[in-house]
Protein backbone atom coordinates (compact mmCIF):
# COMPACT_ATOMS: atom_id res chain seq x y z
CA GLY A 1 281.27 156.80 -9.78
CA GLN A 2 278.08 155.83 -7.90
CA PRO A 3 277.04 157.62 -4.63
CA LEU A 4 277.64 155.56 -1.53
CA ALA A 5 274.58 156.62 0.46
CA PRO A 6 272.11 153.88 -0.69
CA ARG A 7 274.70 151.19 0.02
CA ARG A 8 274.68 151.76 3.75
CA LEU A 9 273.24 148.54 5.17
CA SER A 10 271.95 150.17 8.35
CA LEU A 11 269.55 152.35 6.33
CA LYS A 12 268.03 149.40 4.48
CA PRO A 13 264.65 148.26 5.79
CA VAL A 14 264.70 144.81 7.43
CA PRO A 15 262.98 142.35 5.10
CA GLN A 16 259.76 141.09 6.73
CA MET A 17 259.18 137.38 6.73
CA PRO A 18 255.51 136.44 6.56
CA ASP A 19 255.68 134.20 9.68
CA MET A 20 258.23 136.23 11.67
CA GLU A 21 256.38 135.94 14.98
CA ALA A 22 256.04 132.16 14.75
CA PHE A 23 259.70 131.85 13.66
CA LEU A 24 260.92 133.91 16.63
CA ARG A 25 258.70 132.00 19.05
CA GLU A 26 260.21 128.68 17.85
CA ALA A 27 263.76 130.05 18.03
CA LEU A 28 263.30 131.26 21.60
CA ALA A 29 261.96 127.87 22.70
CA LYS A 30 265.06 126.24 21.12
CA VAL A 31 267.43 128.65 22.82
CA LYS A 32 265.75 128.14 26.19
CA LYS A 33 265.96 124.37 25.92
CA GLN A 34 269.67 124.37 24.91
CA ALA A 35 270.82 127.01 27.39
CA ARG A 36 268.75 126.07 30.46
CA GLY A 37 269.22 128.66 33.22
CA CYS A 38 271.82 130.67 31.13
CA LEU A 39 271.06 134.35 30.78
CA ALA A 40 273.37 135.31 27.86
CA PRO A 41 271.80 133.16 25.00
CA GLU A 42 268.35 134.50 25.84
CA LEU A 43 269.53 138.09 25.82
CA CYS A 44 271.36 137.49 22.54
CA PHE A 45 268.04 136.32 21.18
CA GLN A 46 266.40 139.49 22.42
CA ALA A 47 269.07 141.56 20.58
CA VAL A 48 268.37 139.75 17.35
CA GLN A 49 264.61 140.14 17.88
CA ALA A 50 265.09 143.93 18.33
CA ALA A 51 266.94 144.01 14.99
CA THR A 52 263.94 142.56 13.21
CA GLN A 53 261.41 144.92 14.88
CA ARG A 54 263.14 148.34 15.33
CA PRO A 55 265.14 150.85 13.25
CA PHE A 56 268.91 150.38 13.38
CA PRO A 57 269.84 153.07 16.01
CA GLU A 58 267.11 151.75 18.32
CA GLY A 59 268.35 148.23 17.84
CA LEU A 60 271.88 149.26 18.77
CA ARG A 61 270.56 151.04 21.88
CA ARG A 62 268.66 147.91 22.88
CA GLU A 63 271.76 145.80 22.36
CA ARG A 64 273.82 148.07 24.59
CA GLU A 65 271.14 147.87 27.33
CA LEU A 66 271.12 144.10 27.18
CA PHE A 67 274.95 144.00 27.30
CA GLN A 68 274.90 146.24 30.43
CA VAL A 69 272.48 143.75 32.07
CA LEU A 70 274.87 140.88 31.30
CA LEU A 71 277.99 142.78 32.35
CA THR A 72 276.71 143.41 35.82
CA SER A 73 274.94 140.04 36.26
CA GLY A 74 275.80 137.41 38.86
CA GLN A 75 276.25 134.91 36.06
CA ALA A 76 279.03 136.96 34.46
CA ARG A 77 280.79 137.24 37.79
CA ALA A 78 280.40 133.44 38.33
CA LEU A 79 281.78 132.65 34.90
CA GLN A 80 284.78 134.92 35.53
CA TYR A 81 285.31 133.20 38.87
CA ALA A 82 285.16 129.77 37.20
CA PHE A 83 287.60 130.91 34.52
CA PHE A 84 290.22 131.93 37.16
CA ALA A 85 289.44 128.98 39.48
CA GLU A 86 290.36 126.56 36.67
CA ARG A 87 293.75 128.24 36.42
CA ALA A 88 294.23 128.48 40.15
CA VAL A 89 293.94 124.71 40.67
CA GLN A 90 297.10 124.16 38.58
CA ARG A 91 299.03 125.75 41.49
CA TRP A 92 298.67 122.78 43.88
CA ALA A 93 300.19 122.29 47.31
CA THR A 94 300.03 119.62 50.00
CA PRO A 95 300.12 120.01 53.79
CA SER A 96 303.62 118.36 53.80
CA GLY A 97 305.03 121.20 51.83
CA ALA A 98 305.17 119.68 48.33
CA SER A 99 303.94 122.06 45.60
CA TRP A 100 303.83 122.80 41.88
CA ARG A 101 306.79 125.15 42.38
CA SER A 102 309.33 122.50 43.19
CA ALA A 103 307.99 119.23 41.73
CA ALA A 104 308.84 118.20 38.19
CA PRO A 105 306.77 115.64 36.25
CA GLN A 106 308.16 112.46 34.66
CA ALA A 107 307.60 111.90 30.91
CA VAL A 108 304.78 109.53 29.92
CA ARG A 109 305.75 107.91 26.65
CA LYS A 110 303.58 104.82 27.04
CA ALA A 111 300.59 104.07 29.32
CA ALA A 112 298.38 101.15 30.17
CA VAL A 113 294.72 100.83 31.28
CA ILE A 114 293.46 97.85 33.25
CA GLY A 115 289.76 97.05 32.92
CA LEU A 116 287.63 97.86 29.88
CA GLY A 117 284.23 98.58 31.56
CA THR A 118 282.48 101.88 31.08
CA MET A 119 285.22 103.87 32.81
CA GLY A 120 288.14 102.00 31.21
CA GLN A 121 286.65 102.52 27.74
CA GLY A 122 286.39 106.29 28.30
CA ILE A 123 289.95 106.48 29.73
CA VAL A 124 291.38 104.56 26.77
CA THR A 125 289.63 106.92 24.40
CA SER A 126 291.01 109.96 26.26
CA LEU A 127 294.62 108.64 26.06
CA VAL A 128 294.26 107.78 22.33
CA LYS A 129 292.96 111.31 21.62
CA ALA A 130 295.98 112.70 23.57
CA LYS A 131 298.20 110.55 21.25
CA ILE A 132 299.71 108.59 24.13
CA PRO A 133 300.53 104.99 23.00
CA LEU A 134 298.90 102.49 25.28
CA VAL A 135 298.15 98.91 26.21
CA ALA A 136 294.57 98.02 27.27
CA LEU A 137 294.30 94.94 29.46
CA GLU A 138 291.35 92.79 30.52
CA GLN A 139 291.12 89.62 32.67
CA ASP A 140 289.97 87.22 29.97
CA LEU A 141 289.33 87.11 26.19
CA GLU A 142 285.53 87.43 26.49
CA TYR A 143 285.79 90.72 28.41
CA LEU A 144 288.67 91.88 26.17
CA ASN A 145 286.65 91.42 22.96
CA LYS A 146 283.61 93.07 24.43
CA GLY A 147 285.78 96.02 25.64
CA ARG A 148 287.67 96.30 22.37
CA LYS A 149 284.44 96.52 20.41
CA ALA A 150 283.06 99.26 22.69
CA VAL A 151 286.37 101.25 22.59
CA MET A 152 286.57 101.02 18.80
CA ALA A 153 282.98 102.30 18.50
CA LEU A 154 283.81 105.21 20.79
CA LEU A 155 286.96 106.05 18.86
CA GLU A 156 285.15 105.93 15.49
CA ARG A 157 282.67 108.46 16.92
CA GLU A 158 285.48 110.69 18.21
CA ALA A 159 287.38 110.43 14.91
CA MET A 160 284.37 111.79 13.03
CA LYS A 161 284.68 114.99 15.15
CA THR A 162 288.41 115.51 14.42
CA LYS A 163 289.96 117.02 11.35
CA GLY A 164 291.93 114.09 9.91
CA GLY A 165 289.30 111.48 11.01
CA ALA A 166 290.49 107.96 11.89
CA GLN A 167 293.91 108.61 10.29
CA SER A 168 294.74 111.39 12.75
CA LEU A 169 293.93 109.21 15.79
CA ASP A 170 295.60 106.15 14.14
CA PHE A 171 293.94 103.80 16.67
CA HIS A 172 294.04 100.71 14.37
CA ASN A 173 297.81 100.77 14.70
CA PRO A 174 298.94 98.25 17.35
CA ALA A 175 301.93 100.47 18.17
CA ARG A 176 299.40 103.11 19.29
CA LEU A 177 296.76 100.89 20.91
CA GLN A 178 297.19 97.29 21.87
CA PHE A 179 294.63 95.03 23.52
CA THR A 180 295.81 92.13 25.67
CA VAL A 181 295.14 89.75 28.60
CA ASP A 182 298.90 89.44 29.29
CA PHE A 183 300.20 91.44 32.31
CA ASP A 184 303.81 90.94 31.01
CA LEU A 185 303.13 93.58 28.31
CA LEU A 186 303.11 96.20 31.11
CA ARG A 187 306.85 95.84 31.81
CA ASP A 188 307.89 98.95 29.88
CA VAL A 189 304.99 101.36 30.50
CA ASP A 190 305.57 104.71 32.31
CA LEU A 191 302.12 104.87 33.82
CA VAL A 192 299.26 102.40 34.53
CA ILE A 193 295.63 103.40 35.24
CA GLU A 194 293.64 100.68 36.97
CA ALA A 195 289.86 101.04 36.26
CA VAL A 196 288.30 97.79 37.62
CA PHE A 197 285.31 97.44 40.02
CA GLU A 198 285.20 99.34 43.26
CA ASN A 199 286.44 96.36 45.29
CA MET A 200 289.36 96.82 47.68
CA ALA A 201 290.53 93.14 47.61
CA LEU A 202 290.56 93.12 43.80
CA LYS A 203 292.44 96.45 43.55
CA LYS A 204 295.05 95.31 46.09
CA GLU A 205 295.59 92.09 44.20
CA ILE A 206 296.18 94.03 40.92
CA PHE A 207 298.50 96.53 42.55
CA HIS A 208 300.54 93.78 44.18
CA LYS A 209 300.96 92.26 40.71
CA LEU A 210 301.84 95.63 39.14
CA SER A 211 304.53 96.39 41.68
CA LYS A 212 306.25 93.08 40.69
CA ILE A 213 305.90 93.59 36.92
CA CYS A 214 306.17 97.31 36.13
CA LYS A 215 309.57 99.06 35.95
CA PRO A 216 310.63 100.85 39.13
CA GLY A 217 309.78 104.37 37.95
CA ALA A 218 306.32 103.56 36.62
CA LEU A 219 303.44 105.50 38.14
CA LEU A 220 300.61 103.29 39.43
CA CYS A 221 297.24 105.13 39.29
CA THR A 222 293.84 103.96 40.56
CA ASN A 223 290.59 105.25 39.16
CA THR A 224 288.81 104.71 42.47
CA SER A 225 285.92 106.95 43.26
CA ALA A 226 286.06 106.58 47.05
CA LEU A 227 288.47 103.88 48.34
CA ASN A 228 291.47 104.55 50.55
CA ILE A 229 294.59 105.27 48.39
CA ASP A 230 296.91 104.36 51.28
CA GLU A 231 295.37 100.90 51.65
CA ILE A 232 295.66 100.24 47.93
CA ALA A 233 299.34 101.44 48.05
CA SER A 234 300.03 99.11 50.97
CA ALA A 235 299.86 96.13 48.53
CA THR A 236 302.87 97.46 46.57
CA GLY A 237 306.54 97.78 47.38
CA ARG A 238 306.44 101.45 46.16
CA PRO A 239 303.71 103.47 47.89
CA GLN A 240 305.44 106.70 46.76
CA GLN A 241 304.48 105.77 43.12
CA VAL A 242 300.75 105.20 43.88
CA ILE A 243 298.23 107.94 43.22
CA GLY A 244 294.49 108.27 42.65
CA THR A 245 293.33 109.51 39.21
CA HIS A 246 289.52 109.63 39.54
CA PHE A 247 287.90 110.21 36.16
CA PHE A 248 284.21 111.13 35.95
CA SER A 249 281.72 109.37 33.78
CA PRO A 250 281.76 109.49 30.73
CA ALA A 251 285.52 109.69 31.06
CA HIS A 252 286.29 110.86 27.53
CA VAL A 253 283.84 113.75 27.84
CA MET A 254 283.96 115.03 31.48
CA ARG A 255 286.72 117.60 31.95
CA LEU A 256 287.31 116.99 35.66
CA LEU A 257 290.11 114.70 36.84
CA GLU A 258 290.46 114.35 40.59
CA ILE A 259 294.04 113.62 41.58
CA ILE A 260 294.33 112.10 45.08
CA TYR A 261 297.67 111.84 46.94
CA GLY A 262 298.21 109.31 49.73
CA ARG A 263 300.43 109.52 52.78
CA HIS A 264 303.52 108.37 50.80
CA THR A 265 302.76 109.69 47.25
CA SER A 266 305.83 111.54 45.96
CA PRO A 267 305.68 115.15 44.69
CA THR A 268 306.94 113.81 41.29
CA ALA A 269 303.97 111.42 41.12
CA ILE A 270 301.55 114.35 41.77
CA ALA A 271 303.26 116.57 39.18
CA THR A 272 303.15 113.70 36.62
CA ALA A 273 299.34 113.23 37.19
CA VAL A 274 298.76 116.96 36.85
CA GLN A 275 300.78 116.96 33.63
CA LEU A 276 298.76 113.98 32.38
CA ALA A 277 295.49 115.87 33.03
CA LYS A 278 296.79 118.77 30.95
CA ALA A 279 297.79 116.33 28.10
CA LEU A 280 294.25 114.87 28.21
CA LYS A 281 292.82 118.48 28.10
CA LYS A 282 291.26 117.95 31.52
CA VAL A 283 291.17 120.10 34.68
CA GLY A 284 293.29 118.21 37.17
CA VAL A 285 292.43 119.01 40.80
CA VAL A 286 294.85 117.83 43.55
CA VAL A 287 293.08 116.73 46.76
CA GLY A 288 293.73 114.69 49.92
CA ASN A 289 292.76 111.17 50.82
CA CYS A 290 289.38 110.57 52.68
CA PHE A 291 286.39 108.44 51.90
CA GLY A 292 284.94 109.79 48.63
CA PHE A 293 287.72 112.44 48.33
CA VAL A 294 286.03 115.75 47.25
CA GLY A 295 283.74 115.08 44.29
CA ASN A 296 281.93 112.02 45.61
CA ARG A 297 282.12 113.04 49.26
CA MET A 298 280.17 116.24 48.40
CA MET A 299 277.85 114.16 46.12
CA PHE A 300 276.82 111.68 48.86
CA PRO A 301 274.76 114.09 51.06
CA TYR A 302 273.39 115.85 47.92
CA VAL A 303 272.02 112.56 46.40
CA GLN A 304 271.01 111.36 49.85
CA GLN A 305 268.78 114.45 50.32
CA ALA A 306 267.31 113.86 46.89
CA VAL A 307 266.39 110.31 47.91
CA PHE A 308 264.93 111.52 51.23
CA LEU A 309 262.73 113.84 49.22
CA LEU A 310 261.36 110.83 47.35
CA GLU A 311 260.59 109.10 50.63
CA GLU A 312 258.64 112.17 51.74
CA GLY A 313 256.43 112.47 48.63
CA SER A 314 258.47 113.81 45.70
CA ARG A 315 259.19 112.04 42.34
CA PRO A 316 262.56 111.65 40.60
CA GLU A 317 261.53 113.81 37.62
CA ALA A 318 260.28 116.62 39.94
CA VAL A 319 263.60 116.77 41.83
CA ASP A 320 265.66 116.68 38.61
CA GLN A 321 263.54 119.37 37.03
CA VAL A 322 264.17 121.78 39.92
CA ILE A 323 267.94 121.14 39.93
CA GLU A 324 268.23 121.42 36.14
CA ASP A 325 266.13 124.57 36.03
CA PHE A 326 268.53 126.05 38.60
CA GLY A 327 271.31 125.46 36.09
CA PHE A 328 272.86 122.03 36.73
CA LYS A 329 273.36 120.09 33.43
CA ILE A 330 271.81 116.97 34.90
CA GLY A 331 269.69 116.27 38.03
CA PRO A 332 270.70 113.76 40.73
CA PHE A 333 268.49 110.89 39.49
CA ARG A 334 269.40 111.16 35.85
CA MET A 335 273.01 111.44 36.93
CA SER A 336 272.69 108.22 39.02
CA ASP A 337 271.17 106.38 36.02
CA LEU A 338 273.99 107.57 33.79
CA ALA A 339 276.78 106.54 36.23
CA GLY A 340 275.08 103.22 37.09
CA LEU A 341 273.28 102.62 40.39
CA ASP A 342 275.31 99.41 40.95
CA VAL A 343 278.47 101.42 41.51
CA GLY A 344 277.14 103.03 44.68
CA TRP A 345 275.46 99.80 45.67
CA ARG A 346 278.74 97.86 45.58
CA SER A 347 280.39 100.62 47.64
CA ARG A 348 277.56 100.51 50.26
CA GLN A 349 277.85 96.69 50.40
CA GLY A 350 281.59 97.03 50.95
CA GLN A 351 280.91 99.39 53.85
CA GLY A 352 278.41 96.96 55.40
CA LEU A 353 275.54 99.44 54.98
CA THR A 354 273.37 97.04 53.02
CA GLY A 355 273.07 93.44 51.90
CA PRO A 356 273.71 90.11 53.68
CA SER A 357 276.53 91.51 55.88
CA LEU A 358 274.10 93.81 57.66
CA PRO A 359 273.59 92.68 61.31
CA ALA A 360 270.12 91.31 62.03
CA GLY A 361 267.73 93.73 63.69
CA THR A 362 269.29 96.81 62.02
CA PRO A 363 266.44 99.39 61.50
CA ALA A 364 265.59 99.63 57.79
CA ARG A 365 265.99 103.40 57.67
CA GLN A 366 268.96 103.93 60.11
CA ARG A 367 272.70 103.27 59.90
CA HIS A 368 275.19 104.19 62.63
CA GLY A 369 272.55 106.36 64.30
CA GLN A 370 271.97 108.36 61.14
CA ARG A 371 269.00 108.56 58.77
CA TYR A 372 269.48 106.13 55.85
CA SER A 373 267.30 105.38 52.79
CA PRO A 374 267.44 101.86 51.36
CA LEU A 375 265.58 102.99 48.19
CA PRO A 376 268.64 102.83 45.83
CA ASP A 377 269.53 99.40 47.26
CA LEU A 378 266.01 98.07 46.66
CA LEU A 379 266.19 99.32 43.08
CA CYS A 380 269.44 97.48 42.51
CA GLU A 381 268.00 94.28 44.05
CA GLN A 382 265.36 94.56 41.25
CA GLY A 383 268.16 94.67 38.67
CA ARG A 384 267.45 98.40 37.93
CA PHE A 385 270.98 99.74 37.42
CA GLY A 386 270.10 102.81 35.23
CA GLN A 387 270.87 103.34 31.57
CA LYS A 388 273.03 100.17 31.28
CA SER A 389 270.04 97.99 32.18
CA GLY A 390 267.33 100.11 30.45
CA LYS A 391 265.74 101.01 33.79
CA GLY A 392 266.67 102.75 37.01
CA TRP A 393 264.98 105.84 38.42
CA TYR A 394 263.66 106.26 34.86
CA ARG A 395 262.85 103.98 31.94
CA TYR A 396 264.97 103.90 28.82
CA GLU A 397 264.08 102.82 25.26
CA ARG A 398 266.53 99.89 25.58
CA PRO A 399 269.56 98.84 27.72
CA GLY A 400 272.24 101.48 27.05
CA GLY A 401 269.51 103.91 25.93
CA ARG A 402 269.93 107.66 26.61
CA THR A 403 266.37 109.05 26.71
CA ALA A 404 264.96 109.09 30.28
CA THR A 405 261.15 108.65 30.54
CA PRO A 406 259.33 108.91 33.87
CA ASP A 407 258.36 105.36 34.96
CA PRO A 408 254.94 104.59 36.46
CA TRP A 409 256.52 101.48 38.08
CA ILE A 410 258.69 103.78 40.17
CA HIS A 411 255.72 105.91 41.24
CA SER A 412 253.76 102.86 42.49
CA PHE A 413 256.96 101.41 44.05
CA LEU A 414 257.51 104.66 46.02
CA SER A 415 253.90 104.66 47.09
CA GLY A 416 254.19 101.05 48.33
CA TYR A 417 257.42 101.87 50.13
CA ARG A 418 255.81 104.76 52.01
CA ASP A 419 252.90 102.59 53.05
CA THR A 420 255.31 99.90 54.33
CA HIS A 421 257.23 102.38 56.41
CA ARG A 422 254.16 104.42 57.42
CA ILE A 423 255.54 107.62 55.86
CA GLN A 424 252.88 110.29 55.29
CA SER A 425 253.31 111.57 51.72
CA ARG A 426 253.28 115.38 51.41
CA SER A 427 253.56 117.94 48.64
CA ILE A 428 257.13 119.36 48.48
CA ASP A 429 257.71 122.74 46.82
CA GLN A 430 260.57 123.71 44.53
CA GLU A 431 262.35 125.91 47.06
CA GLU A 432 262.57 123.10 49.58
CA ILE A 433 263.96 120.69 46.93
CA LEU A 434 266.59 123.25 45.89
CA GLU A 435 267.64 124.19 49.39
CA ARG A 436 267.88 120.68 50.79
CA CYS A 437 269.96 119.41 47.89
CA LEU A 438 272.26 122.43 47.51
CA PHE A 439 272.82 123.24 51.15
CA SER A 440 273.91 119.68 51.96
CA LEU A 441 276.37 119.93 49.04
CA ILE A 442 277.72 123.30 50.30
CA ASN A 443 277.93 122.21 53.96
CA GLU A 444 280.00 119.16 53.05
CA GLY A 445 282.27 121.43 51.02
CA PHE A 446 282.99 123.54 54.12
CA ALA A 447 283.72 120.38 56.18
CA ILE A 448 286.25 119.23 53.45
CA LEU A 449 287.99 122.67 53.56
CA ALA A 450 288.03 122.65 57.38
CA GLU A 451 289.79 119.22 57.35
CA GLY A 452 292.36 120.40 54.79
CA ILE A 453 291.35 117.74 52.25
CA ALA A 454 291.16 120.57 49.67
CA SER A 455 293.65 123.47 49.90
CA ALA A 456 291.34 126.26 48.62
CA PRO A 457 287.65 126.93 47.81
CA GLU A 458 288.54 127.01 44.08
CA HIS A 459 289.52 123.32 44.25
CA LEU A 460 286.04 122.46 45.57
CA ASP A 461 284.23 124.56 43.02
């Protein structure tokens, strides 16, 4: 029997906190830090702020204005594009006429992972989370025990995020996850993912072994980031079963899975890899075979420009800051430290770009008539491999640490390097950093499209 009027919330005054201004300032700083470069969270903050400062109808009006800004923004269009692009890549096709329409995947009831380094650990974790029983294999007991410890720690962390905890993942059950040094245990698996060092001879040796041990229908996948799929397949008696499954580091977190077909890869193999990506809740993108495929091939000129900027007078933290403020989650130097500088170094040694195999008299800053910077190689020679060694382009609190701190050692090292090569240091503005890094990325993308390595712009994006 009470009147309803005074119960209307919109008519109640907003309670005033004594330190409202300070509270809002702090909240905005937090939002800006967490959502770097993203428009929506900041505008949401402005809507809440309006609610604390204005009467209800005015607050609503302000909210509608802010919504209109977001609705017509470039960021909204970009997010819509990304949403549809992720769905478009499921419709894959190859120049030979194979496509998602006609190819059916094989069932994967049991898998194996070879190599329990950083990538292998992440791949094992992804498969366990997808509830695919698997065998994890290493070359000897010392590496196996080290790998097992790291995998278990990762899985414990993942289990804490899931509903049923460790029980739901059931990773202590040997029927779900088995560690071994014995290749014979791979006889009955449906799919093997090799995740050893980027070394062609080693990969070929493993694939030769696999083609003798695995059952005829088993899919043989390589987690190479750049090496030729056809050459790896040539070591087997079944090149149609060989495919590249390039995970990105950290493999249990990153959603992209690059699926690379070789000259002989069967449509069934491609369909099975695409299906696996879906089971792992990843976005599987089917691309052709060339050095670096799509992801790393586009990354090379981008990182190369970033390093050239250091040669000319910039600093790692300045370049990263510009790229991160633009909206990338992580700049090129923090990314290199996370992935490990030694990975690229081994690849460059394999290509004869650096190290003892380099012919005498090769100019320090030129390779094959192109500009080249030996800076990353020199860092590796100093044992600076990034997070794993506690120092790379940045310093970390300990080996395996996550917090990047600008390193005075790097600054004086760069200064000495410029003196040695008589490079005049100059001040480089933000626009130049952004354009040189991004345009080199974009240009390489167009070259990949032109060569037919990717079948549509969405695959690149």
